[in-house]
């Protein structure tokens, strides 16, 4: 079992930055590929970024490439999402997700077995 708790969300002005953290508990965290997703009101949950258990394979949604950076610190059981140059389109609840071991890095929500409760990110104009 893997339990995930997101933090670091908040209200920022356009052009600002936030760093989201995902604290994980469980014996297999270091072997789990991890992902970040987001969901805005009235919209479907969309992929943001993913990282392999080694950190060597990383994927980003086109909408966040060059602005967001995903990383992980396995010794701290934590995954991060550094978000720079935020714009109002980034406003959403951001969710951390963990896949089962042996699952390839993926942008599909169906791949991920465990989910956090989300943290709100609001970007004002």
C-alpha atoms as a PDB file:
ATOM      1  CA  UNK A   1       0.000   0.000   0.000  1.00  0.00           C
ATOM      2  CA  UNK A   2       1.053   3.563  -0.746  1.00  0.00           C
ATOM      3  CA  UNK A   3      -0.497   6.619   0.867  1.00  0.00           C
ATOM      4  CA  UNK A   4      -0.026  10.044  -0.723  1.00  0.00           C
ATOM      5  CA  UNK A   5      -0.562  13.528   0.706  1.00  0.00           C
ATOM      6  CA  UNK A   6      -0.110  16.645  -1.428  1.00  0.00           C
ATOM      7  CA  UNK A   7       0.846  20.062  -0.110  1.00  0.00           C
ATOM      8  CA  UNK A   8       2.188  23.381  -1.332  1.00  0.00           C
ATOM      9  CA  UNK A   9      -0.794  24.689  -3.231  1.00  0.00           C
ATOM     10  CA  UNK A  10      -2.057  28.208  -2.830  1.00  0.00           C
ATOM     11  CA  UNK A  11      -2.993  31.462  -4.499  1.00  0.00           C
ATOM     12  CA  UNK A  12      -0.467  33.199  -6.726  1.00  0.00           C
ATOM     13  CA  UNK A  13      -0.514  35.878  -9.379  1.00  0.00           C
ATOM     14  CA  UNK A  14       0.197  35.124 -13.008  1.00  0.00           C
ATOM     15  CA  UNK A  15       3.912  34.699 -13.569  1.00  0.00           C
ATOM     16  CA  UNK A  16       4.500  33.425 -10.068  1.00  0.00           C
ATOM     17  CA  UNK A  17       5.804  30.076  -8.878  1.00  0.00           C
ATOM     18  CA  UNK A  18       4.787  27.298  -6.530  1.00  0.00           C
ATOM     19  CA  UNK A  19       6.342  24.007  -5.518  1.00  0.00           C
ATOM     20  CA  UNK A  20       4.021  21.144  -4.776  1.00  0.00           C
ATOM     21  CA  UNK A  21       5.097  18.265  -2.587  1.00  0.00           C
ATOM     22  CA  UNK A  22       3.732  14.753  -2.406  1.00  0.00           C
ATOM     23  CA  UNK A  23       4.590  12.922   0.784  1.00  0.00           C
ATOM     24  CA  UNK A  24       4.350   9.169   0.412  1.00  0.00           C
ATOM     25  CA  UNK A  25       4.253   6.383   2.933  1.00  0.00           C
ATOM     26  CA  UNK A  26       4.649   2.706   2.268  1.00  0.00           C
ATOM     27  CA  UNK A  27       7.408   0.193   1.824  1.00  0.00           C
ATOM     28  CA  UNK A  28       7.461   0.257  -1.980  1.00  0.00           C
ATOM     29  CA  UNK A  29       7.564   3.989  -2.670  1.00  0.00           C
ATOM     30  CA  UNK A  30      11.021   3.929  -4.248  1.00  0.00           C
ATOM     31  CA  UNK A  31       9.847   1.346  -6.776  1.00  0.00           C
ATOM     32  CA  UNK A  32       6.751   3.268  -7.863  1.00  0.00           C
ATOM     33  CA  UNK A  33       6.546   5.421 -10.942  1.00  0.00           C
ATOM     34  CA  UNK A  34       4.874   8.677  -9.924  1.00  0.00           C
ATOM     35  CA  UNK A  35       2.684  11.188 -11.683  1.00  0.00           C
ATOM     36  CA  UNK A  36       1.003  14.538 -11.240  1.00  0.00           C
ATOM     37  CA  UNK A  37      -2.463  15.228 -12.609  1.00  0.00           C
ATOM     38  CA  UNK A  38      -4.760  18.218 -12.343  1.00  0.00           C
ATOM     39  CA  UNK A  39      -8.452  18.888 -12.641  1.00  0.00           C
ATOM     40  CA  UNK A  40     -10.100  22.255 -13.182  1.00  0.00           C
ATOM     41  CA  UNK A  41     -13.798  22.892 -12.484  1.00  0.00           C
ATOM     42  CA  UNK A  42     -15.962  21.435 -15.214  1.00  0.00           C
ATOM     43  CA  UNK A  43     -13.046  19.690 -16.892  1.00  0.00           C
ATOM     44  CA  UNK A  44     -11.664  16.178 -16.929  1.00  0.00           C
ATOM     45  CA  UNK A  45      -8.590  15.250 -14.985  1.00  0.00           C
ATOM     46  CA  UNK A  46      -5.533  15.778 -17.164  1.00  0.00           C
ATOM     47  CA  UNK A  47      -1.972  14.564 -17.096  1.00  0.00           C
ATOM     48  CA  UNK A  48       0.714  16.989 -15.986  1.00  0.00           C
ATOM     49  CA  UNK A  49       3.971  15.091 -15.444  1.00  0.00           C
ATOM     50  CA  UNK A  50       5.365  11.672 -14.581  1.00  0.00           C
ATOM     51  CA  UNK A  51       8.672  10.292 -13.358  1.00  0.00           C
ATOM     52  CA  UNK A  52      10.102   6.781 -13.193  1.00  0.00           C
ATOM     53  CA  UNK A  53      11.290   5.204  -9.973  1.00  0.00           C
ATOM     54  CA  UNK A  54      14.894   5.958 -10.929  1.00  0.00           C
ATOM     55  CA  UNK A  55      14.107   9.501 -12.031  1.00  0.00           C
ATOM     56  CA  UNK A  56      15.679   8.843 -15.437  1.00  0.00           C
ATOM     57  CA  UNK A  57      12.439   8.821 -17.407  1.00  0.00           C
ATOM     58  CA  UNK A  58      10.297  11.956 -17.236  1.00  0.00           C
ATOM     59  CA  UNK A  59       7.277  13.032 -19.239  1.00  0.00           C
ATOM     60  CA  UNK A  60       5.399  16.314 -19.346  1.00  0.00           C
ATOM     61  CA  UNK A  61       2.185  17.486 -20.861  1.00  0.00           C
ATOM     62  CA  UNK A  62       2.791  19.880 -23.736  1.00  0.00           C
ATOM     63  CA  UNK A  63       0.991  22.615 -21.832  1.00  0.00           C
ATOM     64  CA  UNK A  64       3.569  22.626 -19.029  1.00  0.00           C
ATOM     65  CA  UNK A  65       6.823  21.825 -20.828  1.00  0.00           C
ATOM     66  CA  UNK A  66       9.493  24.368 -20.020  1.00  0.00           C
ATOM     67  CA  UNK A  67       7.563  25.665 -17.023  1.00  0.00           C
ATOM     68  CA  UNK A  68       7.079  22.691 -14.685  1.00  0.00           C
ATOM     69  CA  UNK A  69       9.684  20.306 -13.311  1.00  0.00           C
ATOM     70  CA  UNK A  70       8.969  16.986 -11.643  1.00  0.00           C
ATOM     71  CA  UNK A  71      11.516  15.413  -9.323  1.00  0.00           C
ATOM     72  CA  UNK A  72      11.679  12.897  -6.533  1.00  0.00           C
ATOM     73  CA  UNK A  73      13.690  12.346  -3.384  1.00  0.00           C
ATOM     74  CA  UNK A  74      13.244   8.703  -2.564  1.00  0.00           C
ATOM     75  CA  UNK A  75      15.141   8.953   0.704  1.00  0.00           C
ATOM     76  CA  UNK A  76      12.531  11.479   1.829  1.00  0.00           C
ATOM     77  CA  UNK A  77       9.604   9.600   0.284  1.00  0.00           C
ATOM     78  CA  UNK A  78       8.664  12.763  -1.542  1.00  0.00           C
ATOM     79  CA  UNK A  79       7.831  13.806  -5.103  1.00  0.00           C
ATOM     80  CA  UNK A  80       7.910  17.446  -6.142  1.00  0.00           C
ATOM     81  CA  UNK A  81       6.364  19.540  -8.860  1.00  0.00           C
ATOM     82  CA  UNK A  82       8.075  22.886  -9.340  1.00  0.00           C
ATOM     83  CA  UNK A  83       5.749  25.205 -11.226  1.00  0.00           C
ATOM     84  CA  UNK A  84       7.122  28.400 -12.740  1.00  0.00           C
ATOM     85  CA  UNK A  85       5.576  31.134 -14.846  1.00  0.00           C
ATOM     86  CA  UNK A  86       2.100  30.132 -13.783  1.00  0.00           C
ATOM     87  CA  UNK A  87      -0.910  31.396 -15.677  1.00  0.00           C
ATOM     88  CA  UNK A  88      -4.652  31.287 -14.916  1.00  0.00           C
ATOM     89  CA  UNK A  89      -5.028  28.183 -17.110  1.00  0.00           C
ATOM     90  CA  UNK A  90      -2.986  26.307 -14.514  1.00  0.00           C
ATOM     91  CA  UNK A  91      -5.696  26.815 -11.901  1.00  0.00           C
ATOM     92  CA  UNK A  92      -6.834  23.384 -10.754  1.00  0.00           C
ATOM     93  CA  UNK A  93      -6.691  20.826  -8.016  1.00  0.00           C
ATOM     94  CA  UNK A  94      -3.405  18.990  -8.397  1.00  0.00           C
ATOM     95  CA  UNK A  95      -3.200  15.301  -7.565  1.00  0.00           C
ATOM     96  CA  UNK A  96      -0.239  13.086  -6.902  1.00  0.00           C
ATOM     97  CA  UNK A  97      -0.467   9.483  -8.082  1.00  0.00           C
ATOM     98  CA  UNK A  98       1.597   6.324  -7.736  1.00  0.00           C
ATOM     99  CA  UNK A  99       1.684   3.334 -10.048  1.00  0.00           C
ATOM    100  CA  UNK A 100       2.311  -0.263  -9.115  1.00  0.00           C
ATOM    101  CA  UNK A 101       5.862  -1.589  -9.458  1.00  0.00           C
ATOM    102  CA  UNK A 102       6.806  -2.693 -13.003  1.00  0.00           C
ATOM    103  CA  UNK A 103       4.287  -0.286 -14.524  1.00  0.00           C
ATOM    104  CA  UNK A 104       5.877   1.835 -17.268  1.00  0.00           C
ATOM    105  CA  UNK A 105       5.890   5.603 -17.001  1.00  0.00           C
ATOM    106  CA  UNK A 106       2.578   6.747 -18.436  1.00  0.00           C
ATOM    107  CA  UNK A 107       0.364   9.776 -18.966  1.00  0.00           C
ATOM    108  CA  UNK A 108      -2.771   7.672 -18.497  1.00  0.00           C
ATOM    109  CA  UNK A 109      -4.635   7.991 -15.219  1.00  0.00           C
ATOM    110  CA  UNK A 110      -5.664   4.351 -15.516  1.00  0.00           C
ATOM    111  CA  UNK A 111      -2.094   3.260 -14.888  1.00  0.00           C
ATOM    112  CA  UNK A 112      -1.961   4.759 -11.416  1.00  0.00           C
ATOM    113  CA  UNK A 113      -3.175   2.745  -8.471  1.00  0.00           C
ATOM    114  CA  UNK A 114      -2.859   5.220  -5.609  1.00  0.00           C
ATOM    115  CA  UNK A 115      -4.002   8.839  -5.430  1.00  0.00           C
ATOM    116  CA  UNK A 116      -3.693  11.701  -3.004  1.00  0.00           C
ATOM    117  CA  UNK A 117      -6.581  13.965  -2.039  1.00  0.00           C
ATOM    118  CA  UNK A 118      -5.258  16.912  -4.023  1.00  0.00           C
ATOM    119  CA  UNK A 119      -4.046  20.433  -3.346  1.00  0.00           C
ATOM    120  CA  UNK A 120      -5.621  23.568  -4.777  1.00  0.00           C
ATOM    121  CA  UNK A 121      -3.606  25.843  -7.042  1.00  0.00           C
ATOM    122  CA  UNK A 122      -5.208  29.144  -7.997  1.00  0.00           C
ATOM    123  CA  UNK A 123      -3.528  31.601 -10.347  1.00  0.00           C
ATOM    124  CA  UNK A 124      -5.036  35.067 -10.602  1.00  0.00           C
ATOM    125  CA  UNK A 125      -4.828  37.326 -13.644  1.00  0.00           C
END
